[in-house]
Amino acid sequence: MTVTVTEVDHPIVNDALARMRSVETSNANFRAHLNRLGIILLAEATKDLPTRSQKITTPLTETQQQVLAEVPLVVPILRAGLGFVTSVHHVLDDADIGFVGVTRNETTFEPELYTDKLPADIGGRPVIIVDPMLATGGSMNHVIDLIANRQVTGAITVVCAIAAPEGIEAVRAHVNDRWNVRIVTGAIDSHLNEQAYIVPGLGDAGDRLFGEPRN
């Protein structure tokens, strides 16, 4: 049992991240570039999924083709994780999606759960957690615990646009050889600032995707 980290080095990943980081990028363009990025990250995250052979009839003949043995459960962490859903539908068009809502207490920086829409028993299905940013690791660890407590026996993969070293180490310390977790990210940034934001980062991903909430 271990935590492994893959930082995806790809020209489209780098270009999408550059545009997402820019303060001049609109909400609509931020969503579009996260979608570009998400497709490549998900392709990397799913490359080792188990497959099985299935008979396919083409316009010319019958043949055997490898297909997914089991479709993963994809878990966006609300609200920013919703930004990956379009990418998920492009790569895994029939994937089930289970939502978890976690907000960060801005005083303590601790995660607070406000909704849980996961299956009661996940079993052997692979699970992919999606969230644009892995910052402190608190929310991610909370979601990993929720998933692990649903009788999960398959692989757990985390997909994020950017990650802070502190967040990666927090996940590694929390998992502590209990499960196999793979982190797939577009970039490992420098550090967290005093407000627990990733630097250089891309700001508040939820606000960049959907606009600032209005009271």
C-alpha atoms as a PDB file:
ATOM      1  CA  MET A   1       0.000   0.000   0.000  1.00  0.00           C
ATOM      2  CA  THR A   2       1.443   3.342  -1.006  1.00  0.00           C
ATOM      3  CA  VAL A   3       0.875   6.823  -2.422  1.00  0.00           C
ATOM      4  CA  THR A   4       2.390   7.495  -5.845  1.00  0.00           C
ATOM      5  CA  VAL A   5       2.488  10.838  -7.655  1.00  0.00           C
ATOM      6  CA  THR A   6       2.486  11.456 -11.415  1.00  0.00           C
ATOM      7  CA  GLU A   7       3.158  14.991 -12.665  1.00  0.00           C
ATOM      8  CA  VAL A   8       2.010  14.977 -16.292  1.00  0.00           C
ATOM      9  CA  ASP A   9       4.515  16.721 -18.573  1.00  0.00           C
ATOM     10  CA  HIS A  10       2.667  17.519 -21.805  1.00  0.00           C
ATOM     11  CA  PRO A  11       2.564  20.642 -24.018  1.00  0.00           C
ATOM     12  CA  ILE A  12      -1.242  20.884 -23.853  1.00  0.00           C
ATOM     13  CA  VAL A  13      -1.165  20.514 -20.064  1.00  0.00           C
ATOM     14  CA  ASN A  14       1.384  23.317 -19.800  1.00  0.00           C
ATOM     15  CA  ASP A  15      -0.526  25.569 -22.195  1.00  0.00           C
ATOM     16  CA  ALA A  16      -3.857  24.994 -20.442  1.00  0.00           C
ATOM     17  CA  LEU A  17      -2.310  25.684 -17.044  1.00  0.00           C
ATOM     18  CA  ALA A  18      -0.700  28.901 -18.273  1.00  0.00           C
ATOM     19  CA  ARG A  19      -4.076  30.185 -19.441  1.00  0.00           C
ATOM     20  CA  MET A  20      -5.828  29.051 -16.253  1.00  0.00           C
ATOM     21  CA  ARG A  21      -3.253  30.771 -14.058  1.00  0.00           C
ATOM     22  CA  SER A  22      -3.632  34.119 -15.826  1.00  0.00           C
ATOM     23  CA  VAL A  23      -5.715  36.691 -13.956  1.00  0.00           C
ATOM     24  CA  GLU A  24      -6.970  37.889 -17.355  1.00  0.00           C
ATOM     25  CA  THR A  25      -8.710  34.593 -18.177  1.00  0.00           C
ATOM     26  CA  SER A  26     -12.516  34.778 -18.014  1.00  0.00           C
ATOM     27  CA  ASN A  27     -14.691  32.243 -16.180  1.00  0.00           C
ATOM     28  CA  ALA A  28     -15.809  30.751 -19.496  1.00  0.00           C
ATOM     29  CA  ASN A  29     -12.261  30.350 -20.784  1.00  0.00           C
ATOM     30  CA  PHE A  30     -11.090  28.977 -17.439  1.00  0.00           C
ATOM     31  CA  ARG A  31     -13.745  26.249 -17.741  1.00  0.00           C
ATOM     32  CA  ALA A  32     -12.693  25.513 -21.321  1.00  0.00           C
ATOM     33  CA  HIS A  33      -9.015  25.161 -20.460  1.00  0.00           C
ATOM     34  CA  LEU A  34      -9.770  23.000 -17.416  1.00  0.00           C
ATOM     35  CA  ASN A  35     -11.710  20.726 -19.770  1.00  0.00           C
ATOM     36  CA  ARG A  36      -8.682  20.484 -22.120  1.00  0.00           C
ATOM     37  CA  LEU A  37      -6.439  19.752 -19.176  1.00  0.00           C
ATOM     38  CA  GLY A  38      -8.857  17.284 -17.621  1.00  0.00           C
ATOM     39  CA  ILE A  39      -9.052  15.087 -20.711  1.00  0.00           C
ATOM     40  CA  ILE A  40      -5.284  14.558 -20.722  1.00  0.00           C
ATOM     41  CA  LEU A  41      -5.050  14.041 -16.962  1.00  0.00           C
ATOM     42  CA  LEU A  42      -7.893  11.514 -17.058  1.00  0.00           C
ATOM     43  CA  ALA A  43      -6.248   9.667 -19.950  1.00  0.00           C
ATOM     44  CA  GLU A  44      -3.156   9.284 -17.770  1.00  0.00           C
ATOM     45  CA  ALA A  45      -5.191   8.386 -14.680  1.00  0.00           C
ATOM     46  CA  THR A  46      -7.083   5.607 -16.476  1.00  0.00           C
ATOM     47  CA  LYS A  47      -4.278   4.029 -18.507  1.00  0.00           C
ATOM     48  CA  ASP A  48      -3.894   1.080 -16.121  1.00  0.00           C
ATOM     49  CA  LEU A  49      -7.592   0.291 -15.641  1.00  0.00           C
ATOM     50  CA  PRO A  50      -8.319  -3.441 -15.956  1.00  0.00           C
ATOM     51  CA  THR A  51      -9.842  -4.609 -19.234  1.00  0.00           C
ATOM     52  CA  ARG A  52     -11.546  -7.695 -20.613  1.00  0.00           C
ATOM     53  CA  SER A  53     -11.937  -9.093 -24.109  1.00  0.00           C
ATOM     54  CA  GLN A  54     -15.279  -8.580 -25.862  1.00  0.00           C
ATOM     55  CA  LYS A  55     -16.522  -9.720 -29.261  1.00  0.00           C
ATOM     56  CA  ILE A  56     -17.280  -6.764 -31.552  1.00  0.00           C
ATOM     57  CA  THR A  57     -18.945  -6.809 -34.957  1.00  0.00           C
ATOM     58  CA  THR A  58     -17.444  -4.237 -37.323  1.00  0.00           C
ATOM     59  CA  PRO A  59     -18.884  -3.367 -40.772  1.00  0.00           C
ATOM     60  CA  LEU A  60     -16.464  -5.979 -42.174  1.00  0.00           C
ATOM     61  CA  THR A  61     -16.110  -8.816 -39.674  1.00  0.00           C
ATOM     62  CA  GLU A  62     -16.185  -9.974 -36.083  1.00  0.00           C
ATOM     63  CA  THR A  63     -13.184  -9.295 -33.861  1.00  0.00           C
ATOM     64  CA  GLN A  64     -12.099  -9.305 -30.245  1.00  0.00           C
ATOM     65  CA  GLN A  65     -11.493  -5.948 -28.592  1.00  0.00           C
ATOM     66  CA  GLN A  66     -10.351  -4.951 -25.108  1.00  0.00           C
ATOM     67  CA  VAL A  67     -12.963  -2.964 -23.163  1.00  0.00           C
ATOM     68  CA  LEU A  68     -13.075  -1.704 -19.580  1.00  0.00           C
ATOM     69  CA  ALA A  69     -13.675  -4.556 -17.160  1.00  0.00           C
ATOM     70  CA  GLU A  70     -15.546  -2.210 -14.835  1.00  0.00           C
ATOM     71  CA  VAL A  71     -16.470   1.438 -15.263  1.00  0.00           C
ATOM     72  CA  PRO A  72     -14.964   3.616 -12.518  1.00  0.00           C
ATOM     73  CA  LEU A  73     -16.880   5.669 -10.007  1.00  0.00           C
ATOM     74  CA  VAL A  74     -15.866   9.322 -10.414  1.00  0.00           C
ATOM     75  CA  VAL A  75     -16.165  11.588  -7.364  1.00  0.00           C
ATOM     76  CA  PRO A  76     -15.989  15.371  -7.865  1.00  0.00           C
ATOM     77  CA  ILE A  77     -15.418  17.346  -4.665  1.00  0.00           C
ATOM     78  CA  LEU A  78     -17.966  20.184  -4.736  1.00  0.00           C
ATOM     79  CA  ARG A  79     -18.027  22.798  -5.912  1.00  0.00           C
ATOM     80  CA  ALA A  80     -14.800  23.171  -7.901  1.00  0.00           C
ATOM     81  CA  GLY A  81     -14.686  19.476  -8.802  1.00  0.00           C
ATOM     82  CA  LEU A  82     -17.719  20.041 -11.031  1.00  0.00           C
ATOM     83  CA  GLY A  83     -15.319  21.698 -13.457  1.00  0.00           C
ATOM     84  CA  PHE A  84     -13.971  18.255 -14.371  1.00  0.00           C
ATOM     85  CA  VAL A  85     -17.348  16.663 -15.151  1.00  0.00           C
ATOM     86  CA  THR A  86     -17.307  17.586 -18.857  1.00  0.00           C
ATOM     87  CA  SER A  87     -13.850  16.011 -19.176  1.00  0.00           C
ATOM     88  CA  VAL A  88     -15.117  12.900 -17.398  1.00  0.00           C
ATOM     89  CA  HIS A  89     -18.006  12.550 -19.836  1.00  0.00           C
ATOM     90  CA  HIS A  90     -15.597  12.818 -22.770  1.00  0.00           C
ATOM     91  CA  VAL A  91     -13.267  10.118 -21.449  1.00  0.00           C
ATOM     92  CA  LEU A  92     -15.683   7.891 -19.470  1.00  0.00           C
ATOM     93  CA  ASP A  93     -19.068   8.504 -21.050  1.00  0.00           C
ATOM     94  CA  ASP A  94     -20.939   5.928 -18.956  1.00  0.00           C
ATOM     95  CA  ALA A  95     -19.164   6.506 -15.629  1.00  0.00           C
ATOM     96  CA  ASP A  96     -21.246   6.854 -12.488  1.00  0.00           C
ATOM     97  CA  ILE A  97     -20.639  10.103 -10.632  1.00  0.00           C
ATOM     98  CA  GLY A  98     -20.909  10.391  -6.857  1.00  0.00           C
ATOM     99  CA  PHE A  99     -20.723  13.833  -5.308  1.00  0.00           C
ATOM    100  CA  VAL A 100     -19.117  14.890  -2.050  1.00  0.00           C
ATOM    101  CA  GLY A 101     -19.486  18.454  -0.774  1.00  0.00           C
ATOM    102  CA  VAL A 102     -16.650  19.681   1.420  1.00  0.00           C
ATOM    103  CA  THR A 103     -15.995  23.284   2.355  1.00  0.00           C
ATOM    104  CA  ARG A 104     -12.918  24.682   4.055  1.00  0.00           C
ATOM    105  CA  ASN A 105     -13.333  26.561   7.311  1.00  0.00           C
ATOM    106  CA  GLU A 106     -11.493  29.790   6.541  1.00  0.00           C
ATOM    107  CA  THR A 107     -10.464  30.219  10.175  1.00  0.00           C
ATOM    108  CA  THR A 108      -9.136  26.752  10.964  1.00  0.00           C
ATOM    109  CA  PHE A 109      -8.588  25.610   7.334  1.00  0.00           C
ATOM    110  CA  GLU A 110     -10.202  22.298   8.374  1.00  0.00           C
ATOM    111  CA  PRO A 111     -12.653  20.500   6.020  1.00  0.00           C
ATOM    112  CA  GLU A 112     -16.381  20.509   6.795  1.00  0.00           C
ATOM    113  CA  LEU A 113     -18.658  17.980   5.052  1.00  0.00           C
ATOM    114  CA  TYR A 114     -22.033  19.286   3.848  1.00  0.00           C
ATOM    115  CA  THR A 115     -23.221  16.590   1.421  1.00  0.00           C
ATOM    116  CA  ASP A 116     -22.395  12.946   0.682  1.00  0.00           C
ATOM    117  CA  LYS A 117     -23.889  11.280  -2.410  1.00  0.00           C
ATOM    118  CA  LEU A 118     -21.714   8.178  -2.607  1.00  0.00           C
ATOM    119  CA  PRO A 119     -22.939   4.586  -3.070  1.00  0.00           C
ATOM    120  CA  ALA A 120     -23.218   2.650   0.193  1.00  0.00           C
ATOM    121  CA  ASP A 121     -20.964  -0.126  -1.142  1.00  0.00           C
ATOM    122  CA  ILE A 122     -18.353   0.731  -3.764  1.00  0.00           C
ATOM    123  CA  GLY A 123     -16.730  -2.706  -3.695  1.00  0.00           C
ATOM    124  CA  GLY A 124     -14.063  -3.443  -6.298  1.00  0.00           C
ATOM    125  CA  ARG A 125     -14.816  -0.542  -8.611  1.00  0.00           C
ATOM    126  CA  PRO A 126     -11.928   1.807  -9.353  1.00  0.00           C
ATOM    127  CA  VAL A 127     -12.540   5.265  -7.874  1.00  0.00           C
ATOM    128  CA  ILE A 128     -11.307   8.553  -9.348  1.00  0.00           C
ATOM    129  CA  ILE A 129     -11.558  11.676  -7.166  1.00  0.00           C
ATOM    130  CA  VAL A 130     -11.431  14.943  -9.123  1.00  0.00           C
ATOM    131  CA  ASP A 131     -10.702  18.407  -7.735  1.00  0.00           C
ATOM    132  CA  PRO A 132      -8.784  21.198  -9.494  1.00  0.00           C
ATOM    133  CA  MET A 133      -6.497  21.842  -6.515  1.00  0.00           C
ATOM    134  CA  LEU A 134      -4.804  19.717  -3.864  1.00  0.00           C
ATOM    135  CA  ALA A 135      -3.817  22.365  -1.322  1.00  0.00           C
ATOM    136  CA  THR A 136      -3.643  21.385   2.361  1.00  0.00           C
ATOM    137  CA  GLY A 137      -4.904  17.866   1.674  1.00  0.00           C
ATOM    138  CA  GLY A 138      -7.556  18.149   4.389  1.00  0.00           C
ATOM    139  CA  SER A 139     -10.580  17.890   2.086  1.00  0.00           C
ATOM    140  CA  MET A 140      -8.953  15.158   0.016  1.00  0.00           C
ATOM    141  CA  ASN A 141      -8.150  13.064   3.086  1.00  0.00           C
ATOM    142  CA  HIS A 142     -11.739  13.487   4.285  1.00  0.00           C
ATOM    143  CA  VAL A 143     -13.071  12.191   0.959  1.00  0.00           C
ATOM    144  CA  ILE A 144     -10.568   9.329   0.839  1.00  0.00           C
ATOM    145  CA  ASP A 145     -11.838   8.241   4.265  1.00  0.00           C
ATOM    146  CA  LEU A 146     -15.463   8.399   3.094  1.00  0.00           C
ATOM    147  CA  ILE A 147     -14.625   6.216   0.106  1.00  0.00           C
ATOM    148  CA  ALA A 148     -12.485   3.752   2.067  1.00  0.00           C
ATOM    149  CA  ASN A 149     -15.356   3.254   4.523  1.00  0.00           C
ATOM    150  CA  ARG A 150     -17.661   2.086   1.679  1.00  0.00           C
ATOM    151  CA  GLN A 151     -15.998  -1.341   1.398  1.00  0.00           C
ATOM    152  CA  VAL A 152     -13.791  -0.145  -1.461  1.00  0.00           C
ATOM    153  CA  THR A 153     -11.265  -2.729  -2.627  1.00  0.00           C
ATOM    154  CA  GLY A 154     -10.271  -1.184  -5.965  1.00  0.00           C
ATOM    155  CA  ALA A 155      -7.729   1.491  -6.741  1.00  0.00           C
ATOM    156  CA  ILE A 156      -8.206   5.109  -5.616  1.00  0.00           C
ATOM    157  CA  THR A 157      -6.867   7.782  -7.979  1.00  0.00           C
ATOM    158  CA  VAL A 158      -6.801  11.532  -7.330  1.00  0.00           C
ATOM    159  CA  VAL A 159      -6.844  13.877 -10.346  1.00  0.00           C
ATOM    160  CA  CYS A 160      -6.034  17.557  -9.838  1.00  0.00           C
ATOM    161  CA  ALA A 161      -4.875  20.411 -12.048  1.00  0.00           C
ATOM    162  CA  ILE A 162      -2.261  21.580  -9.539  1.00  0.00           C
ATOM    163  CA  ALA A 163      -0.972  20.323  -6.201  1.00  0.00           C
ATOM    164  CA  ALA A 164       1.021  21.807  -3.343  1.00  0.00           C
ATOM    165  CA  PRO A 165       3.879  19.759  -1.865  1.00  0.00           C
ATOM    166  CA  GLU A 166       2.224  20.173   1.541  1.00  0.00           C
ATOM    167  CA  GLY A 167      -0.991  18.615   0.253  1.00  0.00           C
ATOM    168  CA  ILE A 168       0.817  15.660  -1.286  1.00  0.00           C
ATOM    169  CA  GLU A 169       2.685  15.005   1.946  1.00  0.00           C
ATOM    170  CA  ALA A 170      -0.533  15.344   3.976  1.00  0.00           C
ATOM    171  CA  VAL A 171      -2.212  12.668   1.844  1.00  0.00           C
ATOM    172  CA  ARG A 172       0.842  10.438   2.090  1.00  0.00           C
ATOM    173  CA  ALA A 173       0.945  10.758   5.884  1.00  0.00           C
ATOM    174  CA  HIS A 174      -2.810  10.223   6.222  1.00  0.00           C
ATOM    175  CA  VAL A 175      -2.974   7.163   3.969  1.00  0.00           C
ATOM    176  CA  ASN A 176       0.027   5.698   5.838  1.00  0.00           C
ATOM    177  CA  ASP A 177       0.169   2.408   3.917  1.00  0.00           C
ATOM    178  CA  ARG A 178      -3.543   1.680   4.454  1.00  0.00           C
ATOM    179  CA  TRP A 179      -4.571   1.962   0.782  1.00  0.00           C
ATOM    180  CA  ASN A 180      -3.089   2.361  -2.663  1.00  0.00           C
ATOM    181  CA  VAL A 181      -3.628   5.952  -3.785  1.00  0.00           C
ATOM    182  CA  ARG A 182      -2.292   7.489  -6.971  1.00  0.00           C
ATOM    183  CA  ILE A 183      -2.169  11.270  -7.453  1.00  0.00           C
ATOM    184  CA  VAL A 184      -2.183  12.544 -11.052  1.00  0.00           C
ATOM    185  CA  THR A 185      -1.566  16.281 -11.401  1.00  0.00           C
ATOM    186  CA  GLY A 186      -0.722  18.804 -14.083  1.00  0.00           C
ATOM    187  CA  ALA A 187       1.822  20.577 -11.882  1.00  0.00           C
ATOM    188  CA  ILE A 188       3.354  20.503  -8.427  1.00  0.00           C
ATOM    189  CA  ASP A 189       3.540  24.141  -7.374  1.00  0.00           C
ATOM    190  CA  SER A 190       5.925  25.853  -4.955  1.00  0.00           C
ATOM    191  CA  HIS A 191       4.137  26.091  -1.600  1.00  0.00           C
ATOM    192  CA  LEU A 192       1.087  27.208   0.380  1.00  0.00           C
ATOM    193  CA  ASN A 193       0.864  30.793   1.640  1.00  0.00           C
ATOM    194  CA  GLU A 194      -0.411  31.914   5.053  1.00  0.00           C
ATOM    195  CA  GLN A 195      -4.022  31.644   3.841  1.00  0.00           C
ATOM    196  CA  ALA A 196      -3.387  28.062   2.625  1.00  0.00           C
ATOM    197  CA  TYR A 197      -3.609  29.050  -1.045  1.00  0.00           C
ATOM    198  CA  ILE A 198      -1.321  27.358  -3.554  1.00  0.00           C
ATOM    199  CA  VAL A 199       1.492  29.583  -4.889  1.00  0.00           C
ATOM    200  CA  PRO A 200       1.807  30.462  -7.749  1.00  0.00           C
ATOM    201  CA  GLY A 201      -1.521  28.668  -8.063  1.00  0.00           C
ATOM    202  CA  LEU A 202      -4.547  29.857  -9.978  1.00  0.00           C
ATOM    203  CA  GLY A 203      -6.638  31.561  -7.300  1.00  0.00           C
ATOM    204  CA  ASP A 204      -9.902  30.140  -5.973  1.00  0.00           C
ATOM    205  CA  ALA A 205     -10.817  27.451  -8.507  1.00  0.00           C
ATOM    206  CA  GLY A 206     -14.526  27.541  -7.635  1.00  0.00           C
ATOM    207  CA  ASP A 207     -14.690  31.301  -8.168  1.00  0.00           C
ATOM    208  CA  ARG A 208     -12.641  31.060 -11.372  1.00  0.00           C
ATOM    209  CA  LEU A 209     -15.053  28.433 -12.699  1.00  0.00           C
ATOM    210  CA  PHE A 210     -18.416  29.760 -11.568  1.00  0.00           C
ATOM    211  CA  GLY A 211     -17.934  33.312 -10.273  1.00  0.00           C
ATOM    212  CA  GLU A 212     -17.846  34.585  -6.719  1.00  0.00           C
ATOM    213  CA  PRO A 213     -20.871  33.648  -4.558  1.00  0.00           C
ATOM    214  CA  ARG A 214     -23.230  36.526  -3.820  1.00  0.00           C
ATOM    215  CA  ASN A 215     -24.873  36.700  -0.408  1.00  0.00           C
END
